[in-house]
Amino acid sequence: MPRHDYAYPFRIDPASGQAARTGYEAHVDQMIRQTLLTSPGERVNLPTFGCGVRKLLFAPNSDALAATTQILVLQALNKWLGNQITVQSVNVSRPDPAQLFIEINYVLVETQTPRSLAVQVA
């Protein structure tokens, strides 16, 4: 039987009138996005949660920015989702000055399935 979890962002399923659910792999993708796009201090009940990559949008484009982003992403994912995923690699590019493109290759711990996720931060 496939595993299901609550969808993020939280919403009500119009068909059932209950909390919307999604498959396990999609749920983990949603948790990764949530971790990357949440800034530390944004959650009152969990003030250290998040990665804060949005603040890097205003930094000058350089190899140092890519390295800093890789480290921040890797640390945040290992801290907050280390029991769900094993990060294989984090690749960062900046297609234009107003965007960061982050590609994460990881393995789901529960199923040992390799996955990848691209997150665009604008």
PDB file of N, CA and C in Angstrom:
ATOM      1  N   MET A   1       0.847  -1.186   0.000  1.00  0.00           N
ATOM      2  CA  MET A   1       0.000   0.000   0.000  1.00  0.00           C
ATOM      3  C   MET A   1       0.890   1.246   0.000  1.00  0.00           C
ATOM      4  N   PRO A   2       0.680   2.167  -0.954  1.00  0.00           N
ATOM      5  CA  PRO A   2       1.511   3.363  -1.017  1.00  0.00           C
ATOM      6  C   PRO A   2       1.271   4.275   0.184  1.00  0.00           C
ATOM      7  N   ARG A   3       2.351   4.890   0.599  1.00  0.00           N
ATOM      8  CA  ARG A   3       2.285   5.802   1.736  1.00  0.00           C
ATOM      9  C   ARG A   3       1.848   7.186   1.261  1.00  0.00           C
ATOM     10  N   HIS A   4       1.002   7.836   2.061  1.00  0.00           N
ATOM     11  CA  HIS A   4       0.548   9.186   1.770  1.00  0.00           C
ATOM     12  C   HIS A   4       0.791  10.078   2.977  1.00  0.00           C
ATOM     13  N   ASP A   5       1.020  11.354   2.709  1.00  0.00           N
ATOM     14  CA  ASP A   5       1.222  12.351   3.753  1.00  0.00           C
ATOM     15  C   ASP A   5       0.423  13.596   3.399  1.00  0.00           C
ATOM     16  N   TYR A   6       0.355  14.516   4.344  1.00  0.00           N
ATOM     17  CA  TYR A   6      -0.360  15.769   4.096  1.00  0.00           C
ATOM     18  C   TYR A   6       0.365  16.592   3.047  1.00  0.00           C
ATOM     19  N   ALA A   7      -0.409  17.250   2.203  1.00  0.00           N
ATOM     20  CA  ALA A   7       0.156  18.090   1.155  1.00  0.00           C
ATOM     21  C   ALA A   7       0.644  19.406   1.746  1.00  0.00           C
ATOM     22  N   TYR A   8       1.656  19.954   1.112  1.00  0.00           N
ATOM     23  CA  TYR A   8       2.144  21.283   1.474  1.00  0.00           C
ATOM     24  C   TYR A   8       2.068  22.139   0.223  1.00  0.00           C
ATOM     25  N   PRO A   9       1.574  23.351   0.283  1.00  0.00           N
ATOM     26  CA  PRO A   9       1.007  23.969   1.474  1.00  0.00           C
ATOM     27  C   PRO A   9      -0.297  23.297   1.882  1.00  0.00           C
ATOM     28  N   PHE A  10      -0.565  23.374   3.174  1.00  0.00           N
ATOM     29  CA  PHE A  10      -1.765  22.746   3.721  1.00  0.00           C
ATOM     30  C   PHE A  10      -2.994  23.326   3.045  1.00  0.00           C
ATOM     31  N   ARG A  11      -3.916  22.443   2.676  1.00  0.00           N
ATOM     32  CA  ARG A  11      -5.161  22.886   2.034  1.00  0.00           C
ATOM     33  C   ARG A  11      -6.216  21.805   2.226  1.00  0.00           C
ATOM     34  N   ILE A  12      -7.438  22.173   1.967  1.00  0.00           N
ATOM     35  CA  ILE A  12      -8.553  21.232   2.067  1.00  0.00           C
ATOM     36  C   ILE A  12      -8.845  20.682   0.678  1.00  0.00           C
ATOM     37  N   ASP A  13      -8.976  19.385   0.576  1.00  0.00           N
ATOM     38  CA  ASP A  13      -9.329  18.730  -0.679  1.00  0.00           C
ATOM     39  C   ASP A  13     -10.805  19.001  -0.940  1.00  0.00           C
ATOM     40  N   PRO A  14     -11.144  19.659  -2.056  1.00  0.00           N
ATOM     41  CA  PRO A  14     -12.544  19.994  -2.313  1.00  0.00           C
ATOM     42  C   PRO A  14     -13.441  18.768  -2.479  1.00  0.00           C
ATOM     43  N   ALA A  15     -12.888  17.665  -2.950  1.00  0.00           N
ATOM     44  CA  ALA A  15     -13.704  16.469  -3.171  1.00  0.00           C
ATOM     45  C   ALA A  15     -14.090  15.791  -1.861  1.00  0.00           C
ATOM     46  N   SER A  16     -13.152  15.700  -0.928  1.00  0.00           N
ATOM     47  CA  SER A  16     -13.424  14.970   0.315  1.00  0.00           C
ATOM     48  C   SER A  16     -13.762  15.883   1.486  1.00  0.00           C
ATOM     49  N   GLY A  17     -13.382  17.161   1.386  1.00  0.00           N
ATOM     50  CA  GLY A  17     -13.609  18.082   2.498  1.00  0.00           C
ATOM     51  C   GLY A  17     -12.625  17.866   3.641  1.00  0.00           C
ATOM     52  N   GLN A  18     -11.595  17.036   3.420  1.00  0.00           N
ATOM     53  CA  GLN A  18     -10.582  16.768   4.431  1.00  0.00           C
ATOM     54  C   GLN A  18      -9.247  17.357   3.990  1.00  0.00           C
ATOM     55  N   ALA A  19      -8.259  17.246   4.873  1.00  0.00           N
ATOM     56  CA  ALA A  19      -6.921  17.737   4.538  1.00  0.00           C
ATOM     57  C   ALA A  19      -6.414  17.026   3.292  1.00  0.00           C
ATOM     58  N   ALA A  20      -5.878  17.796   2.347  1.00  0.00           N
ATOM     59  CA  ALA A  20      -5.352  17.222   1.112  1.00  0.00           C
ATOM     60  C   ALA A  20      -4.135  16.361   1.423  1.00  0.00           C
ATOM     61  N   ARG A  21      -4.015  15.258   0.691  1.00  0.00           N
ATOM     62  CA  ARG A  21      -2.901  14.336   0.893  1.00  0.00           C
ATOM     63  C   ARG A  21      -2.152  14.170  -0.418  1.00  0.00           C
ATOM     64  N   THR A  22      -0.912  13.754  -0.293  1.00  0.00           N
ATOM     65  CA  THR A  22      -0.082  13.542  -1.467  1.00  0.00           C
ATOM     66  C   THR A  22       0.776  12.308  -1.249  1.00  0.00           C
ATOM     67  N   GLY A  23       1.356  11.772  -2.307  1.00  0.00           N
ATOM     68  CA  GLY A  23       2.233  10.610  -2.204  1.00  0.00           C
ATOM     69  C   GLY A  23       3.511  10.942  -1.455  1.00  0.00           C
ATOM     70  N   TYR A  24       4.177   9.917  -0.963  1.00  0.00           N
ATOM     71  CA  TYR A  24       5.360  10.098  -0.131  1.00  0.00           C
ATOM     72  C   TYR A  24       6.468  10.851  -0.850  1.00  0.00           C
ATOM     73  N   GLU A  25       6.774  10.490  -2.098  1.00  0.00           N
ATOM     74  CA  GLU A  25       7.859  11.155  -2.823  1.00  0.00           C
ATOM     75  C   GLU A  25       7.550  12.631  -3.047  1.00  0.00           C
ATOM     76  N   ALA A  26       6.325  12.950  -3.400  1.00  0.00           N
ATOM     77  CA  ALA A  26       5.926  14.351  -3.581  1.00  0.00           C
ATOM     78  C   ALA A  26       5.982  15.100  -2.254  1.00  0.00           C
ATOM     79  N   HIS A  27       5.614  14.431  -1.172  1.00  0.00           N
ATOM     80  CA  HIS A  27       5.657  15.057   0.151  1.00  0.00           C
ATOM     81  C   HIS A  27       7.090  15.426   0.537  1.00  0.00           C
ATOM     82  N   VAL A  28       8.034  14.539   0.261  1.00  0.00           N
ATOM     83  CA  VAL A  28       9.437  14.839   0.567  1.00  0.00           C
ATOM     84  C   VAL A  28       9.920  16.012  -0.290  1.00  0.00           C
ATOM     85  N   ASP A  29       9.558  16.041  -1.574  1.00  0.00           N
ATOM     86  CA  ASP A  29       9.896  17.196  -2.425  1.00  0.00           C
ATOM     87  C   ASP A  29       9.346  18.485  -1.823  1.00  0.00           C
ATOM     88  N   GLN A  30       8.118  18.438  -1.329  1.00  0.00           N
ATOM     89  CA  GLN A  30       7.502  19.618  -0.716  1.00  0.00           C
ATOM     90  C   GLN A  30       8.242  20.033   0.558  1.00  0.00           C
ATOM     91  N   MET A  31       8.693  19.051   1.338  1.00  0.00           N
ATOM     92  CA  MET A  31       9.446  19.373   2.559  1.00  0.00           C
ATOM     93  C   MET A  31      10.795  20.014   2.222  1.00  0.00           C
ATOM     94  N   ILE A  32      11.430  19.557   1.154  1.00  0.00           N
ATOM     95  CA  ILE A  32      12.702  20.166   0.730  1.00  0.00           C
ATOM     96  C   ILE A  32      12.477  21.616   0.344  1.00  0.00           C
ATOM     97  N   ARG A  33      11.463  21.877  -0.470  1.00  0.00           N
ATOM     98  CA  ARG A  33      11.150  23.261  -0.866  1.00  0.00           C
ATOM     99  C   ARG A  33      10.854  24.133   0.353  1.00  0.00           C
ATOM    100  N   GLN A  34      10.091  23.580   1.275  1.00  0.00           N
ATOM    101  CA  GLN A  34       9.735  24.318   2.478  1.00  0.00           C
ATOM    102  C   GLN A  34      10.993  24.660   3.286  1.00  0.00           C
ATOM    103  N   THR A  35      11.910  23.712   3.403  1.00  0.00           N
ATOM    104  CA  THR A  35      13.148  23.951   4.142  1.00  0.00           C
ATOM    105  C   THR A  35      13.982  25.028   3.467  1.00  0.00           C
ATOM    106  N   LEU A  36      14.113  24.976   2.152  1.00  0.00           N
ATOM    107  CA  LEU A  36      14.941  25.941   1.439  1.00  0.00           C
ATOM    108  C   LEU A  36      14.355  27.345   1.445  1.00  0.00           C
ATOM    109  N   LEU A  37      13.046  27.436   1.309  1.00  0.00           N
ATOM    110  CA  LEU A  37      12.426  28.758   1.133  1.00  0.00           C
ATOM    111  C   LEU A  37      11.987  29.417   2.435  1.00  0.00           C
ATOM    112  N   THR A  38      12.147  28.741   3.561  1.00  0.00           N
ATOM    113  CA  THR A  38      11.838  29.332   4.853  1.00  0.00           C
ATOM    114  C   THR A  38      13.111  29.957   5.416  1.00  0.00           C
ATOM    115  N   SER A  39      12.997  31.174   5.894  1.00  0.00           N
ATOM    116  CA  SER A  39      14.148  31.841   6.507  1.00  0.00           C
ATOM    117  C   SER A  39      14.172  31.561   7.999  1.00  0.00           C
ATOM    118  N   PRO A  40      15.358  31.318   8.571  1.00  0.00           N
ATOM    119  CA  PRO A  40      15.429  31.158  10.021  1.00  0.00           C
ATOM    120  C   PRO A  40      14.810  32.380  10.715  1.00  0.00           C
ATOM    121  N   GLY A  41      14.020  32.124  11.748  1.00  0.00           N
ATOM    122  CA  GLY A  41      13.317  33.183  12.448  1.00  0.00           C
ATOM    123  C   GLY A  41      11.908  33.413  11.956  1.00  0.00           C
ATOM    124  N   GLU A  42      11.559  32.822  10.827  1.00  0.00           N
ATOM    125  CA  GLU A  42      10.244  33.006  10.234  1.00  0.00           C
ATOM    126  C   GLU A  42       9.162  32.247  11.001  1.00  0.00           C
ATOM    127  N   ARG A  43       9.514  31.136  11.615  1.00  0.00           N
ATOM    128  CA  ARG A  43       8.561  30.333  12.381  1.00  0.00           C
ATOM    129  C   ARG A  43       8.757  30.598  13.869  1.00  0.00           C
ATOM    130  N   VAL A  44       7.720  31.063  14.500  1.00  0.00           N
ATOM    131  CA  VAL A  44       7.803  31.405  15.916  1.00  0.00           C
ATOM    132  C   VAL A  44       8.075  30.170  16.768  1.00  0.00           C
ATOM    133  N   ASN A  45       7.414  29.064  16.451  1.00  0.00           N
ATOM    134  CA  ASN A  45       7.561  27.866  17.271  1.00  0.00           C
ATOM    135  C   ASN A  45       8.818  27.058  16.952  1.00  0.00           C
ATOM    136  N   LEU A  46       9.507  27.375  15.874  1.00  0.00           N
ATOM    137  CA  LEU A  46      10.720  26.683  15.484  1.00  0.00           C
ATOM    138  C   LEU A  46      11.661  27.713  14.829  1.00  0.00           C
ATOM    139  N   PRO A  47      12.238  28.610  15.629  1.00  0.00           N
ATOM    140  CA  PRO A  47      12.952  29.760  15.067  1.00  0.00           C
ATOM    141  C   PRO A  47      14.219  29.431  14.286  1.00  0.00           C
ATOM    142  N   THR A  48      14.795  28.271  14.469  1.00  0.00           N
ATOM    143  CA  THR A  48      16.015  27.946  13.719  1.00  0.00           C
ATOM    144  C   THR A  48      15.728  27.176  12.437  1.00  0.00           C
ATOM    145  N   PHE A  49      14.450  26.858  12.172  1.00  0.00           N
ATOM    146  CA  PHE A  49      14.097  26.090  10.979  1.00  0.00           C
ATOM    147  C   PHE A  49      14.335  26.917   9.719  1.00  0.00           C
ATOM    148  N   GLY A  50      14.817  26.253   8.694  1.00  0.00           N
ATOM    149  CA  GLY A  50      14.929  26.880   7.377  1.00  0.00           C
ATOM    150  C   GLY A  50      16.357  27.003   6.909  1.00  0.00           C
ATOM    151  N   CYS A  51      16.470  27.570   5.732  1.00  0.00           N
ATOM    152  CA  CYS A  51      17.762  27.716   5.076  1.00  0.00           C
ATOM    153  C   CYS A  51      18.057  29.176   4.762  1.00  0.00           C
ATOM    154  N   GLY A  52      17.054  29.891   4.312  1.00  0.00           N
ATOM    155  CA  GLY A  52      17.224  31.313   4.039  1.00  0.00           C
ATOM    156  C   GLY A  52      17.941  31.634   2.750  1.00  0.00           C
ATOM    157  N   VAL A  53      17.715  30.857   1.693  1.00  0.00           N
ATOM    158  CA  VAL A  53      18.413  31.131   0.435  1.00  0.00           C
ATOM    159  C   VAL A  53      17.933  32.416  -0.248  1.00  0.00           C
ATOM    160  N   ARG A  54      16.750  32.871   0.104  1.00  0.00           N
ATOM    161  CA  ARG A  54      16.250  34.102  -0.544  1.00  0.00           C
ATOM    162  C   ARG A  54      17.148  35.308  -0.261  1.00  0.00           C
ATOM    163  N   LYS A  55      17.781  35.327   0.907  1.00  0.00           N
ATOM    164  CA  LYS A  55      18.655  36.464   1.232  1.00  0.00           C
ATOM    165  C   LYS A  55      19.888  36.499   0.333  1.00  0.00           C
ATOM    166  N   LEU A  56      20.218  35.376  -0.299  1.00  0.00           N
ATOM    167  CA  LEU A  56      21.382  35.321  -1.172  1.00  0.00           C
ATOM    168  C   LEU A  56      21.116  35.901  -2.557  1.00  0.00           C
ATOM    169  N   LEU A  57      19.865  36.177  -2.870  1.00  0.00           N
ATOM    170  CA  LEU A  57      19.536  36.762  -4.172  1.00  0.00           C
ATOM    171  C   LEU A  57      20.209  38.111  -4.389  1.00  0.00           C
ATOM    172  N   PHE A  58      20.480  38.814  -3.317  1.00  0.00           N
ATOM    173  CA  PHE A  58      21.039  40.158  -3.428  1.00  0.00           C
ATOM    174  C   PHE A  58      22.556  40.166  -3.360  1.00  0.00           C
ATOM    175  N   ALA A  59      23.172  39.004  -3.210  1.00  0.00           N
ATOM    176  CA  ALA A  59      24.630  38.911  -3.182  1.00  0.00           C
ATOM    177  C   ALA A  59      25.167  38.923  -4.606  1.00  0.00           C
ATOM    178  N   PRO A  60      26.371  39.446  -4.789  1.00  0.00           N
ATOM    179  CA  PRO A  60      26.954  39.437  -6.139  1.00  0.00           C
ATOM    180  C   PRO A  60      27.193  38.011  -6.632  1.00  0.00           C
ATOM    181  N   ASN A  61      26.966  37.803  -7.907  1.00  0.00           N
ATOM    182  CA  ASN A  61      27.154  36.489  -8.503  1.00  0.00           C
ATOM    183  C   ASN A  61      28.641  36.156  -8.544  1.00  0.00           C
ATOM    184  N   SER A  62      29.013  35.043  -7.916  1.00  0.00           N
ATOM    185  CA  SER A  62      30.419  34.637  -7.881  1.00  0.00           C
ATOM    186  C   SER A  62      30.508  33.168  -7.498  1.00  0.00           C
ATOM    187  N   ASP A  63      31.717  32.646  -7.593  1.00  0.00           N
ATOM    188  CA  ASP A  63      31.947  31.269  -7.148  1.00  0.00           C
ATOM    189  C   ASP A  63      31.717  31.155  -5.648  1.00  0.00           C
ATOM    190  N   ALA A  64      32.030  32.221  -4.918  1.00  0.00           N
ATOM    191  CA  ALA A  64      31.823  32.224  -3.466  1.00  0.00           C
ATOM    192  C   ALA A  64      30.337  32.105  -3.132  1.00  0.00           C
ATOM    193  N   LEU A  65      29.490  32.769  -3.902  1.00  0.00           N
ATOM    194  CA  LEU A  65      28.045  32.673  -3.679  1.00  0.00           C
ATOM    195  C   LEU A  65      27.566  31.247  -3.907  1.00  0.00           C
ATOM    196  N   ALA A  66      28.026  30.614  -4.977  1.00  0.00           N
ATOM    197  CA  ALA A  66      27.632  29.235  -5.264  1.00  0.00           C
ATOM    198  C   ALA A  66      28.083  28.306  -4.141  1.00  0.00           C
ATOM    199  N   ALA A  67      29.304  28.476  -3.668  1.00  0.00           N
ATOM    200  CA  ALA A  67      29.814  27.628  -2.587  1.00  0.00           C
ATOM    201  C   ALA A  67      29.053  27.855  -1.292  1.00  0.00           C
ATOM    202  N   THR A  68      28.764  29.101  -0.973  1.00  0.00           N
ATOM    203  CA  THR A  68      28.002  29.430   0.232  1.00  0.00           C
ATOM    204  C   THR A  68      26.599  28.824   0.162  1.00  0.00           C
ATOM    205  N   THR A  69      25.963  28.944  -0.993  1.00  0.00           N
ATOM    206  CA  THR A  69      24.622  28.388  -1.172  1.00  0.00           C
ATOM    207  C   THR A  69      24.654  26.873  -1.017  1.00  0.00           C
ATOM    208  N   GLN A  70      25.629  26.216  -1.611  1.00  0.00           N
ATOM    209  CA  GLN A  70      25.750  24.762  -1.488  1.00  0.00           C
ATOM    210  C   GLN A  70      25.872  24.344  -0.024  1.00  0.00           C
ATOM    211  N   ILE A  71      26.707  25.046   0.724  1.00  0.00           N
ATOM    212  CA  ILE A  71      26.920  24.708   2.135  1.00  0.00           C
ATOM    213  C   ILE A  71      25.642  24.937   2.940  1.00  0.00           C
ATOM    214  N   LEU A  72      24.982  26.084   2.742  1.00  0.00           N
ATOM    215  CA  LEU A  72      23.741  26.375   3.464  1.00  0.00           C
ATOM    216  C   LEU A  72      22.665  25.326   3.189  1.00  0.00           C
ATOM    217  N   VAL A  73      22.510  24.969   1.921  1.00  0.00           N
ATOM    218  CA  VAL A  73      21.488  23.998   1.534  1.00  0.00           C
ATOM    219  C   VAL A  73      21.810  22.631   2.127  1.00  0.00           C
ATOM    220  N   LEU A  74      23.047  22.202   1.988  1.00  0.00           N
ATOM    221  CA  LEU A  74      23.446  20.898   2.507  1.00  0.00           C
ATOM    222  C   LEU A  74      23.267  20.815   4.022  1.00  0.00           C
ATOM    223  N   GLN A  75      23.683  21.847   4.745  1.00  0.00           N
ATOM    224  CA  GLN A  75      23.532  21.856   6.199  1.00  0.00           C
ATOM    225  C   GLN A  75      22.062  21.831   6.613  1.00  0.00           C
ATOM    226  N   ALA A  76      21.237  22.639   5.967  1.00  0.00           N
ATOM    227  CA  ALA A  76      19.820  22.698   6.329  1.00  0.00           C
ATOM    228  C   ALA A  76      19.119  21.368   6.039  1.00  0.00           C
ATOM    229  N   LEU A  77      19.396  20.784   4.893  1.00  0.00           N
ATOM    230  CA  LEU A  77      18.742  19.515   4.553  1.00  0.00           C
ATOM    231  C   LEU A  77      19.198  18.391   5.480  1.00  0.00           C
ATOM    232  N   ASN A  78      20.481  18.359   5.801  1.00  0.00           N
ATOM    233  CA  ASN A  78      20.970  17.333   6.726  1.00  0.00           C
ATOM    234  C   ASN A  78      20.383  17.511   8.121  1.00  0.00           C
ATOM    235  N   LYS A  79      20.240  18.747   8.552  1.00  0.00           N
ATOM    236  CA  LYS A  79      19.698  19.006   9.894  1.00  0.00           C
ATOM    237  C   LYS A  79      18.213  18.679   9.976  1.00  0.00           C
ATOM    238  N   TRP A  80      17.434  19.180   9.012  1.00  0.00           N
ATOM    239  CA  TRP A  80      15.977  19.095   9.119  1.00  0.00           C
ATOM    240  C   TRP A  80      15.376  17.867   8.440  1.00  0.00           C
ATOM    241  N   LEU A  81      16.049  17.312   7.451  1.00  0.00           N
ATOM    242  CA  LEU A  81      15.481  16.176   6.726  1.00  0.00           C
ATOM    243  C   LEU A  81      16.436  14.984   6.668  1.00  0.00           C
ATOM    244  N   GLY A  82      17.429  14.970   7.518  1.00  0.00           N
ATOM    245  CA  GLY A  82      18.418  13.904   7.516  1.00  0.00           C
ATOM    246  C   GLY A  82      17.840  12.525   7.763  1.00  0.00           C
ATOM    247  N   ASN A  83      16.693  12.452   8.413  1.00  0.00           N
ATOM    248  CA  ASN A  83      16.050  11.154   8.628  1.00  0.00           C
ATOM    249  C   ASN A  83      15.170  10.741   7.448  1.00  0.00           C
ATOM    250  N   GLN A  84      14.967  11.632   6.492  1.00  0.00           N
ATOM    251  CA  GLN A  84      14.134  11.357   5.318  1.00  0.00           C
ATOM    252  C   GLN A  84      14.949  11.155   4.041  1.00  0.00           C
ATOM    253  N   ILE A  85      16.056  11.920   3.912  1.00  0.00           N
ATOM    254  CA  ILE A  85      16.846  11.886   2.676  1.00  0.00           C
ATOM    255  C   ILE A  85      18.341  11.833   2.977  1.00  0.00           C
ATOM    256  N   THR A  86      19.079  11.319   2.007  1.00  0.00           N
ATOM    257  CA  THR A  86      20.538  11.398   2.012  1.00  0.00           C
ATOM    258  C   THR A  86      20.917  12.234   0.802  1.00  0.00           C
ATOM    259  N   VAL A  87      21.489  13.402   1.041  1.00  0.00           N
ATOM    260  CA  VAL A  87      21.838  14.305  -0.051  1.00  0.00           C
ATOM    261  C   VAL A  87      23.084  13.784  -0.744  1.00  0.00           C
ATOM    262  N   GLN A  88      23.000  13.634  -2.062  1.00  0.00           N
ATOM    263  CA  GLN A  88      24.124  13.181  -2.870  1.00  0.00           C
ATOM    264  C   GLN A  88      24.919  14.364  -3.415  1.00  0.00           C
ATOM    265  N   SER A  89      24.201  15.398  -3.889  1.00  0.00           N
ATOM    266  CA  SER A  89      24.882  16.586  -4.415  1.00  0.00           C
ATOM    267  C   SER A  89      23.936  17.771  -4.428  1.00  0.00           C
ATOM    268  N   VAL A  90      24.540  18.947  -4.382  1.00  0.00           N
ATOM    269  CA  VAL A  90      23.815  20.206  -4.504  1.00  0.00           C
ATOM    270  C   VAL A  90      24.551  21.028  -5.554  1.00  0.00           C
ATOM    271  N   ASN A  91      23.844  21.414  -6.614  1.00  0.00           N
ATOM    272  CA  ASN A  91      24.430  22.227  -7.681  1.00  0.00           C
ATOM    273  C   ASN A  91      23.705  23.558  -7.731  1.00  0.00           C
ATOM    274  N   VAL A  92      24.469  24.628  -7.816  1.00  0.00           N
ATOM    275  CA  VAL A  92      23.896  25.971  -7.805  1.00  0.00           C
ATOM    276  C   VAL A  92      24.327  26.706  -9.058  1.00  0.00           C
ATOM    277  N   SER A  93      23.364  27.361  -9.704  1.00  0.00           N
ATOM    278  CA  SER A  93      23.681  28.222 -10.841  1.00  0.00           C
ATOM    279  C   SER A  93      22.845  29.490 -10.724  1.00  0.00           C
ATOM    280  N   ARG A  94      23.246  30.470 -11.460  1.00  0.00           N
ATOM    281  CA  ARG A  94      22.540  31.759 -11.445  1.00  0.00           C
ATOM    282  C   ARG A  94      22.292  32.172 -12.888  1.00  0.00           C
ATOM    283  N   PRO A  95      21.141  31.758 -13.458  1.00  0.00           N
ATOM    284  CA  PRO A  95      20.873  32.059 -14.864  1.00  0.00           C
ATOM    285  C   PRO A  95      20.757  33.553 -15.166  1.00  0.00           C
ATOM    286  N   ASP A  96      20.319  34.330 -14.196  1.00  0.00           N
ATOM    287  CA  ASP A  96      20.316  35.782 -14.333  1.00  0.00           C
ATOM    288  C   ASP A  96      20.471  36.378 -12.925  1.00  0.00           C
ATOM    289  N   PRO A  97      20.754  37.677 -12.825  1.00  0.00           N
ATOM    290  CA  PRO A  97      21.053  38.273 -11.517  1.00  0.00           C
ATOM    291  C   PRO A  97      19.912  38.208 -10.496  1.00  0.00           C
ATOM    292  N   ALA A  98      18.695  37.949 -10.937  1.00  0.00           N
ATOM    293  CA  ALA A  98      17.556  37.946 -10.016  1.00  0.00           C
ATOM    294  C   ALA A  98      17.094  36.538  -9.654  1.00  0.00           C
ATOM    295  N   GLN A  99      17.894  35.513  -9.984  1.00  0.00           N
ATOM    296  CA  GLN A  99      17.467  34.135  -9.733  1.00  0.00           C
ATOM    297  C   GLN A  99      18.630  33.279  -9.253  1.00  0.00           C
ATOM    298  N   LEU A 100      18.291  32.325  -8.416  1.00  0.00           N
ATOM    299  CA  LEU A 100      19.206  31.243  -8.058  1.00  0.00           C
ATOM    300  C   LEU A 100      18.524  29.951  -8.486  1.00  0.00           C
ATOM    301  N   PHE A 101      19.265  29.063  -9.075  1.00  0.00           N
ATOM    302  CA  PHE A 101      18.731  27.771  -9.488  1.00  0.00           C
ATOM    303  C   PHE A 101      19.505  26.716  -8.706  1.00  0.00           C
ATOM    304  N   ILE A 102      18.784  25.940  -7.893  1.00  0.00           N
ATOM    305  CA  ILE A 102      19.407  24.945  -7.032  1.00  0.00           C
ATOM    306  C   ILE A 102      18.891  23.566  -7.430  1.00  0.00           C
ATOM    307  N   GLU A 103      19.810  22.669  -7.749  1.00  0.00           N
ATOM    308  CA  GLU A 103      19.441  21.298  -8.079  1.00  0.00           C
ATOM    309  C   GLU A 103      19.992  20.379  -6.992  1.00  0.00           C
ATOM    310  N   ILE A 104      19.117  19.572  -6.420  1.00  0.00           N
ATOM    311  CA  ILE A 104      19.481  18.687  -5.329  1.00  0.00           C
ATOM    312  C   ILE A 104      19.267  17.249  -5.789  1.00  0.00           C
ATOM    313  N   ASN A 105      20.294  16.437  -5.684  1.00  0.00           N
ATOM    314  CA  ASN A 105      20.194  15.006  -5.954  1.00  0.00           C
ATOM    315  C   ASN A 105      20.261  14.304  -4.613  1.00  0.00           C
ATOM    316  N   TYR A 106      19.292  13.436  -4.365  1.00  0.00           N
ATOM    317  CA  TYR A 106      19.208  12.795  -3.061  1.00  0.00           C
ATOM    318  C   TYR A 106      18.617  11.395  -3.189  1.00  0.00           C
ATOM    319  N   VAL A 107      18.701  10.653  -2.095  1.00  0.00           N
ATOM    320  CA  VAL A 107      18.130   9.313  -2.017  1.00  0.00           C
ATOM    321  C   VAL A 107      17.131   9.308  -0.872  1.00  0.00           C
ATOM    322  N   LEU A 108      15.930   8.798  -1.128  1.00  0.00           N
ATOM    323  CA  LEU A 108      14.938   8.645  -0.064  1.00  0.00           C
ATOM    324  C   LEU A 108      15.399   7.533   0.873  1.00  0.00           C
ATOM    325  N   VAL A 109      15.509   7.827   2.148  1.00  0.00           N
ATOM    326  CA  VAL A 109      15.996   6.847   3.112  1.00  0.00           C
ATOM    327  C   VAL A 109      15.058   5.647   3.188  1.00  0.00           C
ATOM    328  N   GLU A 110      13.773   5.900   3.215  1.00  0.00           N
ATOM    329  CA  GLU A 110      12.783   4.827   3.403  1.00  0.00           C
ATOM    330  C   GLU A 110      12.752   3.814   2.266  1.00  0.00           C
ATOM    331  N   THR A 111      12.905   4.291   1.038  1.00  0.00           N
ATOM    332  CA  THR A 111      12.778   3.392  -0.116  1.00  0.00           C
ATOM    333  C   THR A 111      14.082   3.200  -0.886  1.00  0.00           C
ATOM    334  N   GLN A 112      15.126   3.953  -0.534  1.00  0.00           N
ATOM    335  CA  GLN A 112      16.418   3.936  -1.229  1.00  0.00           C
ATOM    336  C   GLN A 112      16.266   4.293  -2.709  1.00  0.00           C
ATOM    337  N   THR A 113      15.294   5.147  -3.001  1.00  0.00           N
ATOM    338  CA  THR A 113      15.031   5.599  -4.366  1.00  0.00           C
ATOM    339  C   THR A 113      15.805   6.889  -4.638  1.00  0.00           C
ATOM    340  N   PRO A 114      16.615   6.934  -5.696  1.00  0.00           N
ATOM    341  CA  PRO A 114      17.295   8.193  -6.035  1.00  0.00           C
ATOM    342  C   PRO A 114      16.302   9.172  -6.661  1.00  0.00           C
ATOM    343  N   ARG A 115      16.442  10.432  -6.297  1.00  0.00           N
ATOM    344  CA  ARG A 115      15.544  11.477  -6.801  1.00  0.00           C
ATOM    345  C   ARG A 115      16.361  12.740  -7.032  1.00  0.00           C
ATOM    346  N   SER A 116      15.785  13.668  -7.769  1.00  0.00           N
ATOM    347  CA  SER A 116      16.384  14.988  -7.895  1.00  0.00           C
ATOM    348  C   SER A 116      15.272  16.019  -7.901  1.00  0.00           C
ATOM    349  N   LEU A 117      15.617  17.190  -7.449  1.00  0.00           N
ATOM    350  CA  LEU A 117      14.651  18.281  -7.350  1.00  0.00           C
ATOM    351  C   LEU A 117      15.348  19.573  -7.716  1.00  0.00           C
ATOM    352  N   ALA A 118      14.738  20.353  -8.576  1.00  0.00           N
ATOM    353  CA  ALA A 118      15.262  21.665  -8.941  1.00  0.00           C
ATOM    354  C   ALA A 118      14.372  22.728  -8.313  1.00  0.00           C
ATOM    355  N   VAL A 119      14.987  23.674  -7.641  1.00  0.00           N
ATOM    356  CA  VAL A 119      14.266  24.770  -7.003  1.00  0.00           C
ATOM    357  C   VAL A 119      14.800  26.077  -7.571  1.00  0.00           C
ATOM    358  N   GLN A 120      13.899  26.895  -8.070  1.00  0.00           N
ATOM    359  CA  GLN A 120      14.264  28.204  -8.584  1.00  0.00           C
ATOM    360  C   GLN A 120      13.851  29.241  -7.555  1.00  0.00           C
ATOM    361  N   VAL A 121      14.801  30.050  -7.124  1.00  0.00           N
ATOM    362  CA  VAL A 121      14.534  31.089  -6.141  1.00  0.00           C
ATOM    363  C   VAL A 121      14.625  32.428  -6.858  1.00  0.00           C
ATOM    364  N   ALA A 122      13.530  33.149  -6.839  1.00  0.00           N
ATOM    365  CA  ALA A 122      13.491  34.443  -7.519  1.00  0.00           C
ATOM    366  C   ALA A 122      12.958  35.517  -6.613  1.00  0.00           C
TER     367      ALA A 122
END
